[in-house]
Amino acid sequence: MRLRLDHLIIRSGEPQKTLAELARRSGAPVLADVEELIGGIPPERPLGYGLGFAADVPLMDAVGELRALGFPVSPPAPGAAGDRRWRAAQIHGLLPNPFPVPVSTRRPGVRDRVAGAAAGTLGRIPVLARAGVNEAGDSMVVLTEYGFDVAAWRATVADGPAVVGVELGAAGDRAAWERLPLGDEVPVTVRDDGPPGITRVLLGGARRKPFSLGAVRFEWVSGG
């Protein structure tokens, strides 16, 4: 099994403003409107909250392999936005104070299917959904499996800059990242020093001026 970087997660107290600034300064297209989430104390500035990966095997198989490697992983839970559907599991032990969800290192089984179904049901009840994000933690690493043609969906907008490298601080968990079965499509450089989370994103394509969104620096690489 190999994991490839699928998306970056930036947490902001002003998501609409942050997304607009990212699009303006990087040339990245906007695929979906911002949806406000209630819960937790918003950060004072945008944070490099985490990363999203996709696996080259079915999601439940990937969860099993990661647990066998010693990673605490949550049961896969369904997600939806409009007519788009997906399932996602969270991986703990890679970044500090992760989003608080139940995780396990046991081999996946019936318990995981029941827990994932329950998470999806609770997420559709507004009061419980809000309660579920009242404690956002400081990070999130997620493994996603899409139930729609994500490549076709992304192709509905113009191309933007490609992410060709990511740097992040692991705050003491670098050894865990070295055990993670990452592919080499987008290099992820992990350090134990400095602030935790995504700190630097390297972009390719038409060059623009480097810029920062809160704690995250965006730069273009030579020849990208």
C-alpha atoms as a PDB file:
ATOM      1  CA  MET A   1       0.000   0.000   0.000  1.00  0.00           C
ATOM      2  CA  ARG A   2       1.093   3.528  -0.736  1.00  0.00           C
ATOM      3  CA  LEU A   3      -0.455   6.815   0.335  1.00  0.00           C
ATOM      4  CA  ARG A   4      -0.396   9.872  -1.893  1.00  0.00           C
ATOM      5  CA  LEU A   5      -0.977  13.436  -0.790  1.00  0.00           C
ATOM      6  CA  ASP A   6      -4.489  14.433  -1.829  1.00  0.00           C
ATOM      7  CA  HIS A   7      -5.161  17.765  -0.109  1.00  0.00           C
ATOM      8  CA  LEU A   8      -3.907  20.229   2.491  1.00  0.00           C
ATOM      9  CA  ILE A   9      -6.026  21.348   5.428  1.00  0.00           C
ATOM     10  CA  ILE A  10      -5.800  24.972   6.565  1.00  0.00           C
ATOM     11  CA  ARG A  11      -7.920  25.998   9.545  1.00  0.00           C
ATOM     12  CA  SER A  12      -9.086  29.607   9.700  1.00  0.00           C
ATOM     13  CA  GLY A  13     -11.451  31.716  11.757  1.00  0.00           C
ATOM     14  CA  GLU A  14     -12.335  33.565   8.533  1.00  0.00           C
ATOM     15  CA  PRO A  15     -12.505  30.798   5.922  1.00  0.00           C
ATOM     16  CA  GLN A  16     -14.136  32.893   3.190  1.00  0.00           C
ATOM     17  CA  LYS A  17     -11.452  35.579   3.452  1.00  0.00           C
ATOM     18  CA  THR A  18      -8.647  33.026   3.646  1.00  0.00           C
ATOM     19  CA  LEU A  19      -9.894  31.109   0.606  1.00  0.00           C
ATOM     20  CA  ALA A  20     -10.298  34.308  -1.420  1.00  0.00           C
ATOM     21  CA  GLU A  21      -6.780  35.429  -0.544  1.00  0.00           C
ATOM     22  CA  LEU A  22      -5.317  32.031  -1.412  1.00  0.00           C
ATOM     23  CA  ALA A  23      -7.061  32.057  -4.802  1.00  0.00           C
ATOM     24  CA  ARG A  24      -5.995  35.629  -5.568  1.00  0.00           C
ATOM     25  CA  ARG A  25      -2.364  35.254  -4.601  1.00  0.00           C
ATOM     26  CA  SER A  26      -1.701  31.733  -5.900  1.00  0.00           C
ATOM     27  CA  GLY A  27      -4.006  31.527  -8.905  1.00  0.00           C
ATOM     28  CA  ALA A  28      -5.638  28.386  -7.484  1.00  0.00           C
ATOM     29  CA  PRO A  29      -9.231  27.804  -8.642  1.00  0.00           C
ATOM     30  CA  VAL A  30     -12.106  27.541  -6.156  1.00  0.00           C
ATOM     31  CA  LEU A  31     -14.085  24.308  -6.530  1.00  0.00           C
ATOM     32  CA  ALA A  32     -16.709  24.721  -3.816  1.00  0.00           C
ATOM     33  CA  ASP A  33     -18.243  27.437  -1.678  1.00  0.00           C
ATOM     34  CA  VAL A  34     -17.184  27.828   1.923  1.00  0.00           C
ATOM     35  CA  GLU A  35     -19.441  26.154   4.490  1.00  0.00           C
ATOM     36  CA  GLU A  36     -19.261  27.664   7.964  1.00  0.00           C
ATOM     37  CA  LEU A  37     -18.789  25.173  10.813  1.00  0.00           C
ATOM     38  CA  ILE A  38     -19.798  26.007  14.359  1.00  0.00           C
ATOM     39  CA  GLY A  39     -17.524  24.926  17.134  1.00  0.00           C
ATOM     40  CA  GLY A  40     -14.358  25.595  19.036  1.00  0.00           C
ATOM     41  CA  ILE A  41     -12.441  28.818  19.470  1.00  0.00           C
ATOM     42  CA  PRO A  42     -11.285  29.966  16.014  1.00  0.00           C
ATOM     43  CA  PRO A  43      -7.543  30.466  15.560  1.00  0.00           C
ATOM     44  CA  GLU A  44      -6.225  34.015  15.507  1.00  0.00           C
ATOM     45  CA  ARG A  45      -4.601  33.384  12.117  1.00  0.00           C
ATOM     46  CA  PRO A  46      -4.735  30.611   9.507  1.00  0.00           C
ATOM     47  CA  LEU A  47      -2.972  27.434  10.604  1.00  0.00           C
ATOM     48  CA  GLY A  48      -1.506  24.542   8.636  1.00  0.00           C
ATOM     49  CA  TYR A  49      -3.892  22.181  10.381  1.00  0.00           C
ATOM     50  CA  GLY A  50      -3.108  18.973   8.533  1.00  0.00           C
ATOM     51  CA  LEU A  51      -2.986  16.799   5.431  1.00  0.00           C
ATOM     52  CA  GLY A  52      -5.328  14.511   3.560  1.00  0.00           C
ATOM     53  CA  PHE A  53      -4.143  11.333   1.844  1.00  0.00           C
ATOM     54  CA  ALA A  54      -5.636   8.782  -0.535  1.00  0.00           C
ATOM     55  CA  ALA A  55      -4.536   5.136  -0.731  1.00  0.00           C
ATOM     56  CA  ASP A  56      -3.993   2.833  -3.700  1.00  0.00           C
ATOM     57  CA  VAL A  57      -6.107   0.152  -1.965  1.00  0.00           C
ATOM     58  CA  PRO A  58      -9.711   0.228  -0.640  1.00  0.00           C
ATOM     59  CA  LEU A  59     -10.127   2.421   2.444  1.00  0.00           C
ATOM     60  CA  MET A  60     -10.849  -0.379   4.930  1.00  0.00           C
ATOM     61  CA  ASP A  61      -7.794  -2.306   3.699  1.00  0.00           C
ATOM     62  CA  ALA A  62      -5.692   0.835   4.179  1.00  0.00           C
ATOM     63  CA  VAL A  63      -7.049   1.279   7.699  1.00  0.00           C
ATOM     64  CA  GLY A  64      -6.101  -2.320   8.486  1.00  0.00           C
ATOM     65  CA  GLU A  65      -2.569  -1.927   7.146  1.00  0.00           C
ATOM     66  CA  LEU A  66      -2.001   1.316   9.041  1.00  0.00           C
ATOM     67  CA  ARG A  67      -3.263  -0.234  12.270  1.00  0.00           C
ATOM     68  CA  ALA A  68      -0.975  -3.209  11.721  1.00  0.00           C
ATOM     69  CA  LEU A  69       1.908  -0.709  11.560  1.00  0.00           C
ATOM     70  CA  GLY A  70       0.851   0.618  14.961  1.00  0.00           C
ATOM     71  CA  PHE A  71      -1.007   3.753  13.885  1.00  0.00           C
ATOM     72  CA  PRO A  72      -4.227   4.527  15.811  1.00  0.00           C
ATOM     73  CA  VAL A  73      -6.877   5.017  13.108  1.00  0.00           C
ATOM     74  CA  SER A  74     -10.558   5.904  13.429  1.00  0.00           C
ATOM     75  CA  PRO A  75     -13.353   3.886  11.807  1.00  0.00           C
ATOM     76  CA  PRO A  76     -14.173   5.257   8.332  1.00  0.00           C
ATOM     77  CA  ALA A  77     -17.071   7.703   8.504  1.00  0.00           C
ATOM     78  CA  PRO A  78     -19.204   9.022   5.618  1.00  0.00           C
ATOM     79  CA  GLY A  79     -19.141  12.617   4.441  1.00  0.00           C
ATOM     80  CA  ALA A  80     -21.230  14.557   1.952  1.00  0.00           C
ATOM     81  CA  ALA A  81     -21.411  17.950   0.240  1.00  0.00           C
ATOM     82  CA  GLY A  82     -24.180  18.406  -2.309  1.00  0.00           C
ATOM     83  CA  ASP A  83     -24.207  15.297  -4.475  1.00  0.00           C
ATOM     84  CA  ARG A  84     -20.618  14.379  -3.604  1.00  0.00           C
ATOM     85  CA  ARG A  85     -20.045  11.511  -1.199  1.00  0.00           C
ATOM     86  CA  TRP A  86     -16.906  10.143   0.426  1.00  0.00           C
ATOM     87  CA  ARG A  87     -15.609   8.190   3.420  1.00  0.00           C
ATOM     88  CA  ALA A  88     -12.700   9.233   5.608  1.00  0.00           C
ATOM     89  CA  ALA A  89     -10.674   7.867   8.506  1.00  0.00           C
ATOM     90  CA  GLN A  90      -8.406   9.882  10.761  1.00  0.00           C
ATOM     91  CA  ILE A  91      -4.849   8.835  11.605  1.00  0.00           C
ATOM     92  CA  HIS A  92      -3.469   9.781  15.013  1.00  0.00           C
ATOM     93  CA  GLY A  93       0.132   9.748  16.213  1.00  0.00           C
ATOM     94  CA  LEU A  94       1.498  11.974  13.440  1.00  0.00           C
ATOM     95  CA  LEU A  95       0.747  15.513  14.645  1.00  0.00           C
ATOM     96  CA  PRO A  96       0.122  16.847  18.178  1.00  0.00           C
ATOM     97  CA  ASN A  97      -3.324  17.103  19.772  1.00  0.00           C
ATOM     98  CA  PRO A  98      -5.282  15.625  16.841  1.00  0.00           C
ATOM     99  CA  PHE A  99      -8.996  16.158  16.253  1.00  0.00           C
ATOM    100  CA  PRO A 100     -10.641  14.105  19.021  1.00  0.00           C
ATOM    101  CA  VAL A 101     -12.269  11.026  17.519  1.00  0.00           C
ATOM    102  CA  PRO A 102     -12.208   7.425  18.787  1.00  0.00           C
ATOM    103  CA  VAL A 103      -9.286   5.518  17.261  1.00  0.00           C
ATOM    104  CA  SER A 104      -8.013   1.965  17.497  1.00  0.00           C
ATOM    105  CA  THR A 105      -5.061  -0.211  16.542  1.00  0.00           C
ATOM    106  CA  ARG A 106      -7.242  -3.351  16.373  1.00  0.00           C
ATOM    107  CA  ARG A 107      -7.802  -5.196  13.112  1.00  0.00           C
ATOM    108  CA  PRO A 108     -10.895  -3.666  11.415  1.00  0.00           C
ATOM    109  CA  GLY A 109     -14.143  -5.550  11.954  1.00  0.00           C
ATOM    110  CA  VAL A 110     -17.817  -5.197  12.702  1.00  0.00           C
ATOM    111  CA  ARG A 111     -17.148  -2.658  15.435  1.00  0.00           C
ATOM    112  CA  ASP A 112     -15.611  -0.281  12.879  1.00  0.00           C
ATOM    113  CA  ARG A 113     -18.550  -0.579  10.495  1.00  0.00           C
ATOM    114  CA  VAL A 114     -21.015   0.141  13.289  1.00  0.00           C
ATOM    115  CA  ALA A 115     -18.984   3.077  14.600  1.00  0.00           C
ATOM    116  CA  GLY A 116     -18.609   4.551  11.112  1.00  0.00           C
ATOM    117  CA  ALA A 117     -22.335   4.286  10.436  1.00  0.00           C
ATOM    118  CA  ALA A 118     -23.104   5.912  13.795  1.00  0.00           C
ATOM    119  CA  ALA A 119     -20.721   8.788  13.024  1.00  0.00           C
ATOM    120  CA  GLY A 120     -22.522   9.407   9.750  1.00  0.00           C
ATOM    121  CA  THR A 121     -25.923   9.370  11.438  1.00  0.00           C
ATOM    122  CA  LEU A 122     -24.866  11.788  14.184  1.00  0.00           C
ATOM    123  CA  GLY A 123     -23.317  14.103  11.612  1.00  0.00           C
ATOM    124  CA  ARG A 124     -26.736  14.611  10.021  1.00  0.00           C
ATOM    125  CA  ILE A 125     -28.260  15.817  13.301  1.00  0.00           C
ATOM    126  CA  PRO A 126     -27.394  19.556  13.570  1.00  0.00           C
ATOM    127  CA  VAL A 127     -27.055  19.771  17.364  1.00  0.00           C
ATOM    128  CA  LEU A 128     -24.846  16.692  17.564  1.00  0.00           C
ATOM    129  CA  ALA A 129     -22.839  17.756  14.534  1.00  0.00           C
ATOM    130  CA  ARG A 130     -22.074  21.068  16.202  1.00  0.00           C
ATOM    131  CA  ALA A 131     -21.074  19.301  19.396  1.00  0.00           C
ATOM    132  CA  GLY A 132     -18.714  17.121  17.401  1.00  0.00           C
ATOM    133  CA  VAL A 133     -16.585  20.081  16.321  1.00  0.00           C
ATOM    134  CA  ASN A 134     -16.609  22.029  19.600  1.00  0.00           C
ATOM    135  CA  GLU A 135     -13.129  20.633  20.282  1.00  0.00           C
ATOM    136  CA  ALA A 136     -11.156  20.908  17.075  1.00  0.00           C
ATOM    137  CA  GLY A 137      -7.780  20.002  18.537  1.00  0.00           C
ATOM    138  CA  ASP A 138      -4.669  21.328  16.814  1.00  0.00           C
ATOM    139  CA  SER A 139      -4.276  18.973  13.865  1.00  0.00           C
ATOM    140  CA  MET A 140      -5.830  16.449  11.514  1.00  0.00           C
ATOM    141  CA  VAL A 141      -4.385  13.750   9.258  1.00  0.00           C
ATOM    142  CA  VAL A 142      -7.105  12.065   7.234  1.00  0.00           C
ATOM    143  CA  LEU A 143      -7.344   9.201   4.743  1.00  0.00           C
ATOM    144  CA  THR A 144     -10.110   9.714   2.188  1.00  0.00           C
ATOM    145  CA  GLU A 145     -11.895   7.459  -0.300  1.00  0.00           C
ATOM    146  CA  TYR A 146     -14.159   9.231  -2.789  1.00  0.00           C
ATOM    147  CA  GLY A 147     -17.527   7.915  -3.912  1.00  0.00           C
ATOM    148  CA  PHE A 148     -17.579  10.117  -7.006  1.00  0.00           C
ATOM    149  CA  ASP A 149     -15.251  10.939  -9.907  1.00  0.00           C
ATOM    150  CA  VAL A 150     -13.056  13.434  -8.110  1.00  0.00           C
ATOM    151  CA  ALA A 151     -10.760  13.896 -11.120  1.00  0.00           C
ATOM    152  CA  ALA A 152     -13.700  14.904 -13.312  1.00  0.00           C
ATOM    153  CA  TRP A 153     -14.970  17.244 -10.588  1.00  0.00           C
ATOM    154  CA  ARG A 154     -11.600  18.946 -10.291  1.00  0.00           C
ATOM    155  CA  ALA A 155     -11.408  19.212 -14.081  1.00  0.00           C
ATOM    156  CA  THR A 156     -14.493  21.480 -14.123  1.00  0.00           C
ATOM    157  CA  VAL A 157     -12.246  24.465 -13.286  1.00  0.00           C
ATOM    158  CA  ALA A 158      -9.071  25.808 -14.841  1.00  0.00           C
ATOM    159  CA  ASP A 159      -5.738  24.355 -13.787  1.00  0.00           C
ATOM    160  CA  GLY A 160      -3.980  26.011 -10.882  1.00  0.00           C
ATOM    161  CA  PRO A 161      -0.475  25.678  -9.468  1.00  0.00           C
ATOM    162  CA  ALA A 162       0.609  22.157  -8.611  1.00  0.00           C
ATOM    163  CA  VAL A 163       1.754  21.342  -5.100  1.00  0.00           C
ATOM    164  CA  VAL A 164       5.250  19.894  -5.570  1.00  0.00           C
ATOM    165  CA  GLY A 165       6.409  19.770  -1.960  1.00  0.00           C
ATOM    166  CA  VAL A 166       5.202  20.241   1.600  1.00  0.00           C
ATOM    167  CA  GLU A 167       7.160  20.944   4.766  1.00  0.00           C
ATOM    168  CA  LEU A 168       5.704  20.427   8.216  1.00  0.00           C
ATOM    169  CA  GLY A 169       6.633  20.258  11.867  1.00  0.00           C
ATOM    170  CA  ALA A 170       5.804  17.024  13.694  1.00  0.00           C
ATOM    171  CA  ALA A 171       6.651  18.233  17.223  1.00  0.00           C
ATOM    172  CA  GLY A 172       8.448  15.013  18.151  1.00  0.00           C
ATOM    173  CA  ASP A 173       6.544  12.573  15.909  1.00  0.00           C
ATOM    174  CA  ARG A 174       8.982  12.529  12.982  1.00  0.00           C
ATOM    175  CA  ALA A 175       9.795   8.850  13.525  1.00  0.00           C
ATOM    176  CA  ALA A 176       6.133   8.004  12.985  1.00  0.00           C
ATOM    177  CA  TRP A 177       6.148   9.805   9.633  1.00  0.00           C
ATOM    178  CA  GLU A 178       9.146   7.736   8.596  1.00  0.00           C
ATOM    179  CA  ARG A 179       7.043   4.583   9.127  1.00  0.00           C
ATOM    180  CA  LEU A 180       4.132   5.921   7.097  1.00  0.00           C
ATOM    181  CA  PRO A 181       3.993   4.261   3.635  1.00  0.00           C
ATOM    182  CA  LEU A 182       4.096   7.452   1.563  1.00  0.00           C
ATOM    183  CA  GLY A 183       4.432   7.490  -2.206  1.00  0.00           C
ATOM    184  CA  ASP A 184       6.866   9.896  -3.834  1.00  0.00           C
ATOM    185  CA  GLU A 185       4.429  11.892  -5.996  1.00  0.00           C
ATOM    186  CA  VAL A 186       4.627  14.916  -3.668  1.00  0.00           C
ATOM    187  CA  PRO A 187       7.587  14.925  -1.246  1.00  0.00           C
ATOM    188  CA  VAL A 188       6.669  15.616   2.383  1.00  0.00           C
ATOM    189  CA  THR A 189       9.566  16.972   4.454  1.00  0.00           C
ATOM    190  CA  VAL A 190       9.053  16.475   8.185  1.00  0.00           C
ATOM    191  CA  ARG A 191      10.946  18.237  10.977  1.00  0.00           C
ATOM    192  CA  ASP A 192      10.730  17.893  14.735  1.00  0.00           C
ATOM    193  CA  ASP A 193      11.769  21.495  15.316  1.00  0.00           C
ATOM    194  CA  GLY A 194       9.702  24.603  14.670  1.00  0.00           C
ATOM    195  CA  PRO A 195       5.932  24.995  14.916  1.00  0.00           C
ATOM    196  CA  PRO A 196       3.731  21.930  14.373  1.00  0.00           C
ATOM    197  CA  GLY A 197       1.616  21.478  11.238  1.00  0.00           C
ATOM    198  CA  ILE A 198       2.154  22.622   7.668  1.00  0.00           C
ATOM    199  CA  THR A 199       4.698  25.439   7.564  1.00  0.00           C
ATOM    200  CA  ARG A 200       5.689  25.672   3.888  1.00  0.00           C
ATOM    201  CA  VAL A 201       4.055  24.713   0.594  1.00  0.00           C
ATOM    202  CA  LEU A 202       6.102  24.546  -2.610  1.00  0.00           C
ATOM    203  CA  LEU A 203       4.219  25.239  -5.832  1.00  0.00           C
ATOM    204  CA  GLY A 204       4.939  24.694  -9.513  1.00  0.00           C
ATOM    205  CA  GLY A 205       3.503  26.390 -12.577  1.00  0.00           C
ATOM    206  CA  ALA A 206       3.367  30.066 -13.513  1.00  0.00           C
ATOM    207  CA  ARG A 207       5.512  31.833 -10.948  1.00  0.00           C
ATOM    208  CA  ARG A 208       4.062  34.430  -8.604  1.00  0.00           C
ATOM    209  CA  LYS A 209       5.367  36.284  -5.589  1.00  0.00           C
ATOM    210  CA  PRO A 210       5.739  34.158  -2.463  1.00  0.00           C
ATOM    211  CA  PHE A 211       3.254  34.900   0.299  1.00  0.00           C
ATOM    212  CA  SER A 212       2.058  33.711   3.682  1.00  0.00           C
ATOM    213  CA  LEU A 213      -1.360  32.832   5.006  1.00  0.00           C
ATOM    214  CA  GLY A 214      -0.911  33.024   8.742  1.00  0.00           C
ATOM    215  CA  ALA A 215       1.555  30.312   9.711  1.00  0.00           C
ATOM    216  CA  VAL A 216       1.794  28.798   6.193  1.00  0.00           C
ATOM    217  CA  ARG A 217       4.322  30.075   3.630  1.00  0.00           C
ATOM    218  CA  PHE A 218       3.679  29.527  -0.103  1.00  0.00           C
ATOM    219  CA  GLU A 219       6.649  29.630  -2.501  1.00  0.00           C
ATOM    220  CA  TRP A 220       7.284  28.707  -6.133  1.00  0.00           C
ATOM    221  CA  VAL A 221      10.187  26.435  -6.970  1.00  0.00           C
ATOM    222  CA  SER A 222      12.680  27.220  -9.703  1.00  0.00           C
ATOM    223  CA  GLY A 223      11.714  25.623 -12.975  1.00  0.00           C
ATOM    224  CA  GLY A 224       8.266  24.697 -11.641  1.00  0.00           C
END
